[in-house]
């Protein structure tokens, strides 16, 4: 069975110190401090240590072989979005990252599919880079759950979504810049609590903002199985019904009716949770995703699904059919 992991992250092996080029700090660079490992540094502040599987596409392919997974959809690590930077500088950084991903895809067309990054803080520049991404052979873009604390329903972002629709470019929404992060640093809470909430924030913003009604052909996939959205859809729907004066001010469509208008990945680490999401979404809207190569991801690449009692046709949808539909690609490209 063809398996496509539609949620993985990659970086170039060498990232220059963009702070030196732009004249101000905040950008990530890599410190290759020991063989096979690098520190992601934000100026002089340590962010994360990464292994060479984060930049070596050949090692990645070998690590996927034991799990019979041929194809990875690659995108940057969200900290690289740099929406806070000057728009022209963010565009330059986006071009650097997108050129690298396009090269990886070009050199390994049976193994990699690419998503770009764009300067969301400036719609004109974002659309310019979106168009270039398509020319490079990338099939979509990854964006953050918010843009400098602005929700995705903001009018400023609508032209970007419309351009994605018009160009046939898929959108992956990934949580980042987690709300309340500075108030809950202990116990890894920004990743365990903040990220699921961020994904729900993005989903509710787009649903209540009417994005899926205005752009029904826009193909959006939300990370981490929709975060906390799926588990709280009853509360979200009840809020819509009991206080439409607060919730239904831009879109009068019940949020439950918006299910199956978008995709989610399967990163639940729990088969019962996944079965609940499948009940809500249907198998045609749930994609195999892992968050590789990071430890919070599903680094056994869907093993818990393959060992479950889910029907073969449902597993087949998760493993590749849903992703191919989301990305607008044909199965034959990878056989």
C-alpha atoms as a PDB file:
ATOM      1  CA  UNK A   1       0.000   0.000   0.000  1.00  0.00           C
ATOM      2  CA  UNK A   2       1.330   3.433  -0.947  1.00  0.00           C
ATOM      3  CA  UNK A   3       2.036   5.521   2.150  1.00  0.00           C
ATOM      4  CA  UNK A   4       2.462   9.303   1.972  1.00  0.00           C
ATOM      5  CA  UNK A   5       3.478  11.149   5.129  1.00  0.00           C
ATOM      6  CA  UNK A   6       1.967  14.583   4.544  1.00  0.00           C
ATOM      7  CA  UNK A   7       3.352  16.321   7.654  1.00  0.00           C
ATOM      8  CA  UNK A   8       7.149  16.446   7.953  1.00  0.00           C
ATOM      9  CA  UNK A   9       9.658  19.228   8.482  1.00  0.00           C
ATOM     10  CA  UNK A  10      12.984  19.922   6.809  1.00  0.00           C
ATOM     11  CA  UNK A  11      15.680  22.603   6.812  1.00  0.00           C
ATOM     12  CA  UNK A  12      18.698  23.367   4.667  1.00  0.00           C
ATOM     13  CA  UNK A  13      21.911  22.026   6.197  1.00  0.00           C
ATOM     14  CA  UNK A  14      23.436  25.493   6.250  1.00  0.00           C
ATOM     15  CA  UNK A  15      21.427  28.521   7.299  1.00  0.00           C
ATOM     16  CA  UNK A  16      23.290  31.830   7.240  1.00  0.00           C
ATOM     17  CA  UNK A  17      23.038  34.386   9.994  1.00  0.00           C
ATOM     18  CA  UNK A  18      20.282  36.482   8.491  1.00  0.00           C
ATOM     19  CA  UNK A  19      20.647  38.904  11.409  1.00  0.00           C
ATOM     20  CA  UNK A  20      23.983  39.961   9.929  1.00  0.00           C
ATOM     21  CA  UNK A  21      22.390  40.567   6.530  1.00  0.00           C
ATOM     22  CA  UNK A  22      19.276  42.372   7.753  1.00  0.00           C
ATOM     23  CA  UNK A  23      20.811  44.302  10.628  1.00  0.00           C
ATOM     24  CA  UNK A  24      18.521  43.079  13.405  1.00  0.00           C
ATOM     25  CA  UNK A  25      18.031  39.875  15.368  1.00  0.00           C
ATOM     26  CA  UNK A  26      15.451  37.180  15.951  1.00  0.00           C
ATOM     27  CA  UNK A  27      16.302  34.875  13.046  1.00  0.00           C
ATOM     28  CA  UNK A  28      17.296  31.221  13.375  1.00  0.00           C
ATOM     29  CA  UNK A  29      20.708  29.950  12.316  1.00  0.00           C
ATOM     30  CA  UNK A  30      22.358  26.553  12.767  1.00  0.00           C
ATOM     31  CA  UNK A  31      25.374  25.782  14.913  1.00  0.00           C
ATOM     32  CA  UNK A  32      26.824  22.425  13.808  1.00  0.00           C
ATOM     33  CA  UNK A  33      28.436  21.734  17.171  1.00  0.00           C
ATOM     34  CA  UNK A  34      29.016  17.981  16.751  1.00  0.00           C
ATOM     35  CA  UNK A  35      28.862  15.402  13.981  1.00  0.00           C
ATOM     36  CA  UNK A  36      25.306  14.709  12.871  1.00  0.00           C
ATOM     37  CA  UNK A  37      23.771  17.305  15.172  1.00  0.00           C
ATOM     38  CA  UNK A  38      23.130  21.049  15.125  1.00  0.00           C
ATOM     39  CA  UNK A  39      21.756  23.608  17.516  1.00  0.00           C
ATOM     40  CA  UNK A  40      19.011  25.875  16.226  1.00  0.00           C
ATOM     41  CA  UNK A  41      20.026  29.258  17.628  1.00  0.00           C
ATOM     42  CA  UNK A  42      17.905  32.397  17.756  1.00  0.00           C
ATOM     43  CA  UNK A  43      20.752  34.895  17.902  1.00  0.00           C
ATOM     44  CA  UNK A  44      22.621  33.676  21.022  1.00  0.00           C
ATOM     45  CA  UNK A  45      19.576  31.881  22.513  1.00  0.00           C
ATOM     46  CA  UNK A  46      19.284  28.100  22.179  1.00  0.00           C
ATOM     47  CA  UNK A  47      16.004  27.021  20.562  1.00  0.00           C
ATOM     48  CA  UNK A  48      16.294  23.302  19.768  1.00  0.00           C
ATOM     49  CA  UNK A  49      18.836  20.622  18.909  1.00  0.00           C
ATOM     50  CA  UNK A  50      18.193  18.764  15.669  1.00  0.00           C
ATOM     51  CA  UNK A  51      19.640  15.647  14.094  1.00  0.00           C
ATOM     52  CA  UNK A  52      20.942  15.336  10.551  1.00  0.00           C
ATOM     53  CA  UNK A  53      17.640  13.702   9.576  1.00  0.00           C
ATOM     54  CA  UNK A  54      16.263  17.233   9.664  1.00  0.00           C
ATOM     55  CA  UNK A  55      18.403  18.272   6.689  1.00  0.00           C
ATOM     56  CA  UNK A  56      19.734  15.120   4.979  1.00  0.00           C
ATOM     57  CA  UNK A  57      17.090  13.885   2.548  1.00  0.00           C
ATOM     58  CA  UNK A  58      18.936  10.602   1.931  1.00  0.00           C
ATOM     59  CA  UNK A  59      18.994   9.673   5.623  1.00  0.00           C
ATOM     60  CA  UNK A  60      15.292  10.493   5.797  1.00  0.00           C
ATOM     61  CA  UNK A  61      14.484   8.079   2.965  1.00  0.00           C
ATOM     62  CA  UNK A  62      16.414   5.298   4.733  1.00  0.00           C
ATOM     63  CA  UNK A  63      14.647   5.981   8.036  1.00  0.00           C
ATOM     64  CA  UNK A  64      11.283   5.658   6.310  1.00  0.00           C
ATOM     65  CA  UNK A  65      12.075   2.344   4.606  1.00  0.00           C
ATOM     66  CA  UNK A  66      11.416   0.097   7.658  1.00  0.00           C
ATOM     67  CA  UNK A  67       7.892   1.566   7.802  1.00  0.00           C
ATOM     68  CA  UNK A  68       7.286   0.947   4.073  1.00  0.00           C
ATOM     69  CA  UNK A  69       6.730   4.649   3.503  1.00  0.00           C
ATOM     70  CA  UNK A  70       7.926   6.013   0.201  1.00  0.00           C
ATOM     71  CA  UNK A  71       6.798   9.635   0.101  1.00  0.00           C
ATOM     72  CA  UNK A  72       7.221  12.588   2.456  1.00  0.00           C
ATOM     73  CA  UNK A  73       5.570  15.990   2.142  1.00  0.00           C
ATOM     74  CA  UNK A  74       8.196  18.427   3.408  1.00  0.00           C
ATOM     75  CA  UNK A  75       7.825  21.937   4.762  1.00  0.00           C
ATOM     76  CA  UNK A  76       9.867  24.219   6.978  1.00  0.00           C
ATOM     77  CA  UNK A  77       9.809  24.342  10.776  1.00  0.00           C
ATOM     78  CA  UNK A  78       7.245  26.955  11.900  1.00  0.00           C
ATOM     79  CA  UNK A  79       9.801  29.007  13.848  1.00  0.00           C
ATOM     80  CA  UNK A  80      11.244  29.871  10.434  1.00  0.00           C
ATOM     81  CA  UNK A  81       8.031  31.652   9.332  1.00  0.00           C
ATOM     82  CA  UNK A  82       9.415  34.969  10.653  1.00  0.00           C
ATOM     83  CA  UNK A  83       6.139  36.839  10.186  1.00  0.00           C
ATOM     84  CA  UNK A  84       7.421  39.376  12.725  1.00  0.00           C
ATOM     85  CA  UNK A  85      10.252  40.449  10.397  1.00  0.00           C
ATOM     86  CA  UNK A  86      10.196  43.264   7.872  1.00  0.00           C
ATOM     87  CA  UNK A  87       8.129  41.939   4.935  1.00  0.00           C
ATOM     88  CA  UNK A  88      10.913  42.198   2.344  1.00  0.00           C
ATOM     89  CA  UNK A  89      13.301  40.357   4.661  1.00  0.00           C
ATOM     90  CA  UNK A  90      10.741  37.636   5.321  1.00  0.00           C
ATOM     91  CA  UNK A  91      10.287  37.290   1.563  1.00  0.00           C
ATOM     92  CA  UNK A  92      14.047  36.836   1.124  1.00  0.00           C
ATOM     93  CA  UNK A  93      14.122  34.171   3.844  1.00  0.00           C
ATOM     94  CA  UNK A  94      11.067  32.441   2.332  1.00  0.00           C
ATOM     95  CA  UNK A  95      12.763  32.334  -1.060  1.00  0.00           C
ATOM     96  CA  UNK A  96      15.841  30.757   0.513  1.00  0.00           C
ATOM     97  CA  UNK A  97      13.803  28.033   2.226  1.00  0.00           C
ATOM     98  CA  UNK A  98      11.546  27.404  -0.766  1.00  0.00           C
ATOM     99  CA  UNK A  99      14.459  27.085  -3.178  1.00  0.00           C
ATOM    100  CA  UNK A 100      15.931  24.387  -0.931  1.00  0.00           C
ATOM    101  CA  UNK A 101      12.679  22.419  -0.719  1.00  0.00           C
ATOM    102  CA  UNK A 102      12.171  22.681  -4.475  1.00  0.00           C
ATOM    103  CA  UNK A 103      15.668  21.301  -5.027  1.00  0.00           C
ATOM    104  CA  UNK A 104      15.006  18.346  -2.703  1.00  0.00           C
ATOM    105  CA  UNK A 105      11.790  17.562  -4.590  1.00  0.00           C
ATOM    106  CA  UNK A 106      13.431  17.926  -7.998  1.00  0.00           C
ATOM    107  CA  UNK A 107      16.257  15.561  -7.053  1.00  0.00           C
ATOM    108  CA  UNK A 108      13.928  12.975  -5.464  1.00  0.00           C
ATOM    109  CA  UNK A 109      10.552  13.223  -7.240  1.00  0.00           C
ATOM    110  CA  UNK A 110       9.368   9.766  -6.110  1.00  0.00           C
ATOM    111  CA  UNK A 111      10.131  10.503  -2.469  1.00  0.00           C
ATOM    112  CA  UNK A 112       9.309  14.138  -1.806  1.00  0.00           C
ATOM    113  CA  UNK A 113       6.475  16.620  -2.280  1.00  0.00           C
ATOM    114  CA  UNK A 114       7.073  20.243  -1.286  1.00  0.00           C
ATOM    115  CA  UNK A 115       5.114  22.923   0.554  1.00  0.00           C
ATOM    116  CA  UNK A 116       6.485  26.448   0.643  1.00  0.00           C
ATOM    117  CA  UNK A 117       6.400  29.270   3.157  1.00  0.00           C
ATOM    118  CA  UNK A 118       5.256  32.816   2.378  1.00  0.00           C
ATOM    119  CA  UNK A 119       5.427  36.232   4.111  1.00  0.00           C
ATOM    120  CA  UNK A 120       1.867  36.265   5.436  1.00  0.00           C
ATOM    121  CA  UNK A 121       2.316  39.721   6.990  1.00  0.00           C
ATOM    122  CA  UNK A 122       2.214  41.281   3.504  1.00  0.00           C
ATOM    123  CA  UNK A 123      -0.461  39.957   1.126  1.00  0.00           C
ATOM    124  CA  UNK A 124       1.151  41.298  -2.038  1.00  0.00           C
ATOM    125  CA  UNK A 125       4.522  39.741  -1.262  1.00  0.00           C
ATOM    126  CA  UNK A 126       2.849  36.539  -0.055  1.00  0.00           C
ATOM    127  CA  UNK A 127       0.983  36.141  -3.334  1.00  0.00           C
ATOM    128  CA  UNK A 128       4.137  36.931  -5.284  1.00  0.00           C
ATOM    129  CA  UNK A 129       6.010  34.134  -3.502  1.00  0.00           C
ATOM    130  CA  UNK A 130       2.994  31.825  -3.757  1.00  0.00           C
ATOM    131  CA  UNK A 131       3.091  32.204  -7.536  1.00  0.00           C
ATOM    132  CA  UNK A 132       6.833  31.530  -7.532  1.00  0.00           C
ATOM    133  CA  UNK A 133       6.298  28.434  -5.366  1.00  0.00           C
ATOM    134  CA  UNK A 134       3.987  27.040  -8.019  1.00  0.00           C
ATOM    135  CA  UNK A 135       6.588  27.761 -10.695  1.00  0.00           C
ATOM    136  CA  UNK A 136       9.179  25.910  -8.587  1.00  0.00           C
ATOM    137  CA  UNK A 137       6.976  22.817  -8.528  1.00  0.00           C
ATOM    138  CA  UNK A 138       5.731  23.120  -4.965  1.00  0.00           C
ATOM    139  CA  UNK A 139       2.091  22.092  -4.575  1.00  0.00           C
ATOM    140  CA  UNK A 140       1.047  24.265  -1.660  1.00  0.00           C
ATOM    141  CA  UNK A 141       2.137  26.290   1.334  1.00  0.00           C
ATOM    142  CA  UNK A 142       2.341  25.863   5.079  1.00  0.00           C
ATOM    143  CA  UNK A 143       1.088  28.814   7.136  1.00  0.00           C
ATOM    144  CA  UNK A 144       0.849  29.569  10.841  1.00  0.00           C
ATOM    145  CA  UNK A 145      -2.249  29.376  13.020  1.00  0.00           C
ATOM    146  CA  UNK A 146      -2.019  33.125  13.496  1.00  0.00           C
ATOM    147  CA  UNK A 147      -0.004  35.916  11.946  1.00  0.00           C
ATOM    148  CA  UNK A 148       1.502  38.174  14.574  1.00  0.00           C
ATOM    149  CA  UNK A 149      -1.491  37.353  16.804  1.00  0.00           C
ATOM    150  CA  UNK A 150      -3.984  38.182  14.042  1.00  0.00           C
ATOM    151  CA  UNK A 151      -6.511  35.445  13.339  1.00  0.00           C
ATOM    152  CA  UNK A 152      -6.805  33.893   9.896  1.00  0.00           C
ATOM    153  CA  UNK A 153     -10.270  35.371   9.278  1.00  0.00           C
ATOM    154  CA  UNK A 154      -8.774  38.876   9.058  1.00  0.00           C
ATOM    155  CA  UNK A 155      -9.648  40.623   5.808  1.00  0.00           C
ATOM    156  CA  UNK A 156      -5.950  41.167   5.051  1.00  0.00           C
ATOM    157  CA  UNK A 157      -5.428  37.417   4.556  1.00  0.00           C
ATOM    158  CA  UNK A 158      -8.405  36.728   2.308  1.00  0.00           C
ATOM    159  CA  UNK A 159      -6.568  37.680  -0.932  1.00  0.00           C
ATOM    160  CA  UNK A 160      -3.903  35.104  -0.040  1.00  0.00           C
ATOM    161  CA  UNK A 161      -6.478  32.347   0.429  1.00  0.00           C
ATOM    162  CA  UNK A 162      -8.176  33.389  -2.793  1.00  0.00           C
ATOM    163  CA  UNK A 163      -4.856  33.216  -4.633  1.00  0.00           C
ATOM    164  CA  UNK A 164      -4.263  29.731  -3.212  1.00  0.00           C
ATOM    165  CA  UNK A 165      -7.658  28.703  -4.531  1.00  0.00           C
ATOM    166  CA  UNK A 166      -7.086  30.293  -7.925  1.00  0.00           C
ATOM    167  CA  UNK A 167      -3.630  28.725  -8.291  1.00  0.00           C
ATOM    168  CA  UNK A 168      -4.758  25.330  -7.057  1.00  0.00           C
ATOM    169  CA  UNK A 169      -2.266  25.468  -4.195  1.00  0.00           C
ATOM    170  CA  UNK A 170      -3.051  23.456  -1.065  1.00  0.00           C
ATOM    171  CA  UNK A 171      -2.759  25.030   2.394  1.00  0.00           C
ATOM    172  CA  UNK A 172      -1.443  23.373   5.541  1.00  0.00           C
ATOM    173  CA  UNK A 173      -2.165  25.236   8.786  1.00  0.00           C
ATOM    174  CA  UNK A 174       0.369  24.545  11.527  1.00  0.00           C
ATOM    175  CA  UNK A 175       0.182  25.869  15.099  1.00  0.00           C
ATOM    176  CA  UNK A 176       2.872  28.302  16.156  1.00  0.00           C
ATOM    177  CA  UNK A 177       3.345  31.431  18.299  1.00  0.00           C
ATOM    178  CA  UNK A 178       1.260  29.682  20.933  1.00  0.00           C
ATOM    179  CA  UNK A 179      -1.151  31.785  22.962  1.00  0.00           C
ATOM    180  CA  UNK A 180      -0.123  32.107  26.598  1.00  0.00           C
ATOM    181  CA  UNK A 181       3.314  30.608  25.940  1.00  0.00           C
ATOM    182  CA  UNK A 182       5.139  32.920  28.336  1.00  0.00           C
ATOM    183  CA  UNK A 183       2.697  31.994  31.109  1.00  0.00           C
ATOM    184  CA  UNK A 184       3.151  28.210  30.887  1.00  0.00           C
ATOM    185  CA  UNK A 185       6.735  27.427  29.975  1.00  0.00           C
ATOM    186  CA  UNK A 186       7.028  24.584  32.500  1.00  0.00           C
ATOM    187  CA  UNK A 187       6.105  20.972  31.675  1.00  0.00           C
ATOM    188  CA  UNK A 188       6.334  21.624  27.910  1.00  0.00           C
ATOM    189  CA  UNK A 189       2.815  23.079  28.131  1.00  0.00           C
ATOM    190  CA  UNK A 190       3.135  25.327  25.059  1.00  0.00           C
ATOM    191  CA  UNK A 191       3.473  22.165  22.957  1.00  0.00           C
ATOM    192  CA  UNK A 192       1.045  19.986  24.915  1.00  0.00           C
ATOM    193  CA  UNK A 193      -1.696  22.555  25.582  1.00  0.00           C
ATOM    194  CA  UNK A 194      -0.936  25.633  23.479  1.00  0.00           C
ATOM    195  CA  UNK A 195      -0.512  23.886  20.141  1.00  0.00           C
ATOM    196  CA  UNK A 196      -3.865  22.040  20.204  1.00  0.00           C
ATOM    197  CA  UNK A 197      -5.575  25.276  21.238  1.00  0.00           C
ATOM    198  CA  UNK A 198      -3.827  27.195  18.453  1.00  0.00           C
ATOM    199  CA  UNK A 199      -5.094  24.776  15.821  1.00  0.00           C
ATOM    200  CA  UNK A 200      -8.653  25.121  17.121  1.00  0.00           C
ATOM    201  CA  UNK A 201      -8.195  28.888  17.107  1.00  0.00           C
ATOM    202  CA  UNK A 202      -7.265  28.784  13.437  1.00  0.00           C
ATOM    203  CA  UNK A 203     -10.119  26.432  12.522  1.00  0.00           C
ATOM    204  CA  UNK A 204     -12.756  28.446  14.390  1.00  0.00           C
ATOM    205  CA  UNK A 205     -11.456  31.682  12.893  1.00  0.00           C
ATOM    206  CA  UNK A 206     -11.696  30.361   9.353  1.00  0.00           C
ATOM    207  CA  UNK A 207     -15.093  28.711   9.928  1.00  0.00           C
ATOM    208  CA  UNK A 208     -16.712  31.667  11.687  1.00  0.00           C
ATOM    209  CA  UNK A 209     -15.085  34.014   9.182  1.00  0.00           C
ATOM    210  CA  UNK A 210     -16.866  32.174   6.370  1.00  0.00           C
ATOM    211  CA  UNK A 211     -13.679  31.294   4.479  1.00  0.00           C
ATOM    212  CA  UNK A 212     -14.953  27.867   3.443  1.00  0.00           C
ATOM    213  CA  UNK A 213     -18.255  29.328   2.212  1.00  0.00           C
ATOM    214  CA  UNK A 214     -16.543  32.070   0.239  1.00  0.00           C
ATOM    215  CA  UNK A 215     -13.889  29.744  -1.183  1.00  0.00           C
ATOM    216  CA  UNK A 216     -15.430  26.255  -1.318  1.00  0.00           C
ATOM    217  CA  UNK A 217     -12.641  24.953  -3.558  1.00  0.00           C
ATOM    218  CA  UNK A 218      -9.855  26.017  -1.178  1.00  0.00           C
ATOM    219  CA  UNK A 219      -8.029  22.883   0.004  1.00  0.00           C
ATOM    220  CA  UNK A 220      -6.932  23.270   3.623  1.00  0.00           C
ATOM    221  CA  UNK A 221      -5.461  20.675   5.981  1.00  0.00           C
ATOM    222  CA  UNK A 222      -5.120  21.354   9.713  1.00  0.00           C
ATOM    223  CA  UNK A 223      -2.259  19.808  11.664  1.00  0.00           C
ATOM    224  CA  UNK A 224      -2.303  17.513  14.693  1.00  0.00           C
ATOM    225  CA  UNK A 225      -5.727  16.030  13.942  1.00  0.00           C
ATOM    226  CA  UNK A 226      -7.344  19.440  14.312  1.00  0.00           C
ATOM    227  CA  UNK A 227      -5.886  20.012  17.769  1.00  0.00           C
ATOM    228  CA  UNK A 228      -8.560  20.565  20.400  1.00  0.00           C
ATOM    229  CA  UNK A 229     -11.233  21.467  17.831  1.00  0.00           C
ATOM    230  CA  UNK A 230     -12.618  17.958  17.290  1.00  0.00           C
ATOM    231  CA  UNK A 231     -12.880  17.237  20.989  1.00  0.00           C
ATOM    232  CA  UNK A 232     -14.758  20.476  21.629  1.00  0.00           C
ATOM    233  CA  UNK A 233     -16.981  20.652  18.534  1.00  0.00           C
ATOM    234  CA  UNK A 234     -20.054  20.163  20.770  1.00  0.00           C
ATOM    235  CA  UNK A 235     -19.118  23.205  22.851  1.00  0.00           C
ATOM    236  CA  UNK A 236     -18.268  25.212  19.739  1.00  0.00           C
ATOM    237  CA  UNK A 237     -21.586  24.337  18.110  1.00  0.00           C
ATOM    238  CA  UNK A 238     -23.499  25.086  21.317  1.00  0.00           C
ATOM    239  CA  UNK A 239     -21.828  28.483  21.538  1.00  0.00           C
ATOM    240  CA  UNK A 240     -22.860  29.174  17.957  1.00  0.00           C
ATOM    241  CA  UNK A 241     -26.462  28.243  18.782  1.00  0.00           C
ATOM    242  CA  UNK A 242     -26.844  29.939  22.158  1.00  0.00           C
ATOM    243  CA  UNK A 243     -24.982  33.178  21.405  1.00  0.00           C
ATOM    244  CA  UNK A 244     -25.246  33.840  17.673  1.00  0.00           C
ATOM    245  CA  UNK A 245     -24.936  37.534  18.493  1.00  0.00           C
ATOM    246  CA  UNK A 246     -21.318  36.841  19.492  1.00  0.00           C
ATOM    247  CA  UNK A 247     -20.399  33.898  17.273  1.00  0.00           C
ATOM    248  CA  UNK A 248     -22.432  34.028  14.060  1.00  0.00           C
ATOM    249  CA  UNK A 249     -21.665  37.645  13.224  1.00  0.00           C
ATOM    250  CA  UNK A 250     -19.772  36.912   9.987  1.00  0.00           C
ATOM    251  CA  UNK A 251     -21.116  33.491   9.001  1.00  0.00           C
ATOM    252  CA  UNK A 252     -24.472  31.948   9.873  1.00  0.00           C
ATOM    253  CA  UNK A 253     -23.485  28.377   8.941  1.00  0.00           C
ATOM    254  CA  UNK A 254     -23.381  25.938  11.859  1.00  0.00           C
ATOM    255  CA  UNK A 255     -19.725  24.953  12.475  1.00  0.00           C
ATOM    256  CA  UNK A 256     -20.664  21.259  12.464  1.00  0.00           C
ATOM    257  CA  UNK A 257     -21.785  21.685   8.858  1.00  0.00           C
ATOM    258  CA  UNK A 258     -18.240  22.810   8.005  1.00  0.00           C
ATOM    259  CA  UNK A 259     -16.771  19.434   8.916  1.00  0.00           C
ATOM    260  CA  UNK A 260     -15.531  17.614   5.815  1.00  0.00           C
ATOM    261  CA  UNK A 261     -14.899  20.921   4.074  1.00  0.00           C
ATOM    262  CA  UNK A 262     -11.256  20.579   5.129  1.00  0.00           C
ATOM    263  CA  UNK A 263      -8.711  17.870   5.905  1.00  0.00           C
ATOM    264  CA  UNK A 264      -6.857  16.987   9.103  1.00  0.00           C
ATOM    265  CA  UNK A 265      -3.853  14.766   9.703  1.00  0.00           C
ATOM    266  CA  UNK A 266      -4.038  11.651  11.907  1.00  0.00           C
ATOM    267  CA  UNK A 267      -1.558  12.590  14.651  1.00  0.00           C
ATOM    268  CA  UNK A 268      -3.561  11.519  17.690  1.00  0.00           C
ATOM    269  CA  UNK A 269      -1.289   8.790  19.148  1.00  0.00           C
ATOM    270  CA  UNK A 270      -4.577   7.159  20.144  1.00  0.00           C
ATOM    271  CA  UNK A 271      -6.703   4.879  17.993  1.00  0.00           C
ATOM    272  CA  UNK A 272      -9.936   5.697  19.858  1.00  0.00           C
ATOM    273  CA  UNK A 273      -9.375   9.411  19.314  1.00  0.00           C
ATOM    274  CA  UNK A 274      -8.684   8.741  15.649  1.00  0.00           C
ATOM    275  CA  UNK A 275     -11.874   6.701  15.309  1.00  0.00           C
ATOM    276  CA  UNK A 276     -13.844   9.630  16.727  1.00  0.00           C
ATOM    277  CA  UNK A 277     -12.248  11.981  14.202  1.00  0.00           C
ATOM    278  CA  UNK A 278     -12.991   9.522  11.403  1.00  0.00           C
ATOM    279  CA  UNK A 279     -16.624   9.495  12.527  1.00  0.00           C
ATOM    280  CA  UNK A 280     -16.722  13.289  12.267  1.00  0.00           C
ATOM    281  CA  UNK A 281     -14.624  13.772   9.143  1.00  0.00           C
ATOM    282  CA  UNK A 282     -14.856  10.550   7.179  1.00  0.00           C
ATOM    283  CA  UNK A 283     -11.757   8.732   5.969  1.00  0.00           C
ATOM    284  CA  UNK A 284     -11.547  10.849   2.800  1.00  0.00           C
ATOM    285  CA  UNK A 285     -10.581  13.861   4.912  1.00  0.00           C
ATOM    286  CA  UNK A 286      -8.024  12.284   7.273  1.00  0.00           C
ATOM    287  CA  UNK A 287      -4.394  12.074   6.122  1.00  0.00           C
ATOM    288  CA  UNK A 288      -1.338  10.180   7.325  1.00  0.00           C
ATOM    289  CA  UNK A 289       0.923  12.668   9.084  1.00  0.00           C
ATOM    290  CA  UNK A 290       3.762  12.241  11.567  1.00  0.00           C
ATOM    291  CA  UNK A 291       5.509  15.559  12.375  1.00  0.00           C
ATOM    292  CA  UNK A 292       8.774  13.736  11.612  1.00  0.00           C
ATOM    293  CA  UNK A 293      11.529  14.081  12.699  1.00  0.00           C
ATOM    294  CA  UNK A 294      10.415  15.516  16.040  1.00  0.00           C
ATOM    295  CA  UNK A 295       9.776  13.326  19.112  1.00  0.00           C
ATOM    296  CA  UNK A 296       6.233  14.592  19.682  1.00  0.00           C
ATOM    297  CA  UNK A 297       5.317  13.142  16.296  1.00  0.00           C
ATOM    298  CA  UNK A 298       4.269   9.652  15.229  1.00  0.00           C
ATOM    299  CA  UNK A 299       7.720   8.322  14.414  1.00  0.00           C
ATOM    300  CA  UNK A 300       6.418   4.810  13.702  1.00  0.00           C
ATOM    301  CA  UNK A 301       4.559   6.335  10.740  1.00  0.00           C
ATOM    302  CA  UNK A 302       1.030   5.073  11.193  1.00  0.00           C
ATOM    303  CA  UNK A 303       1.857   1.757  12.858  1.00  0.00           C
ATOM    304  CA  UNK A 304      -0.973   2.238  15.370  1.00  0.00           C
ATOM    305  CA  UNK A 305      -3.374   2.574  12.448  1.00  0.00           C
ATOM    306  CA  UNK A 306      -2.079  -0.464  10.555  1.00  0.00           C
ATOM    307  CA  UNK A 307      -2.373  -2.587  13.711  1.00  0.00           C
ATOM    308  CA  UNK A 308      -5.941  -1.429  14.368  1.00  0.00           C
ATOM    309  CA  UNK A 309      -9.232  -3.016  13.334  1.00  0.00           C
ATOM    310  CA  UNK A 310     -10.019  -0.225  10.871  1.00  0.00           C
ATOM    311  CA  UNK A 311     -11.235  -1.501   7.467  1.00  0.00           C
ATOM    312  CA  UNK A 312      -8.602  -1.769   4.755  1.00  0.00           C
ATOM    313  CA  UNK A 313     -10.366   0.838   2.602  1.00  0.00           C
ATOM    314  CA  UNK A 314     -10.295   3.342   5.488  1.00  0.00           C
ATOM    315  CA  UNK A 315      -6.599   2.709   6.063  1.00  0.00           C
ATOM    316  CA  UNK A 316      -5.956   3.143   2.346  1.00  0.00           C
ATOM    317  CA  UNK A 317      -7.721   6.508   2.416  1.00  0.00           C
ATOM    318  CA  UNK A 318      -5.598   7.645   5.355  1.00  0.00           C
ATOM    319  CA  UNK A 319      -2.340   6.332   3.917  1.00  0.00           C
ATOM    320  CA  UNK A 320      -2.592   8.092   0.563  1.00  0.00           C
ATOM    321  CA  UNK A 321      -6.013   8.791  -0.997  1.00  0.00           C
ATOM    322  CA  UNK A 322      -6.888  11.722   1.262  1.00  0.00           C
ATOM    323  CA  UNK A 323      -3.481  13.340   0.872  1.00  0.00           C
ATOM    324  CA  UNK A 324      -3.520  13.013  -2.899  1.00  0.00           C
ATOM    325  CA  UNK A 325      -6.945  14.664  -3.028  1.00  0.00           C
ATOM    326  CA  UNK A 326      -5.840  17.469  -0.703  1.00  0.00           C
ATOM    327  CA  UNK A 327      -2.728  18.133  -2.793  1.00  0.00           C
ATOM    328  CA  UNK A 328      -4.441  17.644  -6.150  1.00  0.00           C
ATOM    329  CA  UNK A 329      -1.985  14.934  -7.236  1.00  0.00           C
ATOM    330  CA  UNK A 330      -2.286  11.585  -9.027  1.00  0.00           C
ATOM    331  CA  UNK A 331      -1.251   8.299  -7.412  1.00  0.00           C
ATOM    332  CA  UNK A 332       0.669   7.280 -10.511  1.00  0.00           C
ATOM    333  CA  UNK A 333       3.328   9.919  -9.857  1.00  0.00           C
ATOM    334  CA  UNK A 334       4.703   7.821  -7.014  1.00  0.00           C
ATOM    335  CA  UNK A 335       4.370   4.266  -8.321  1.00  0.00           C
END
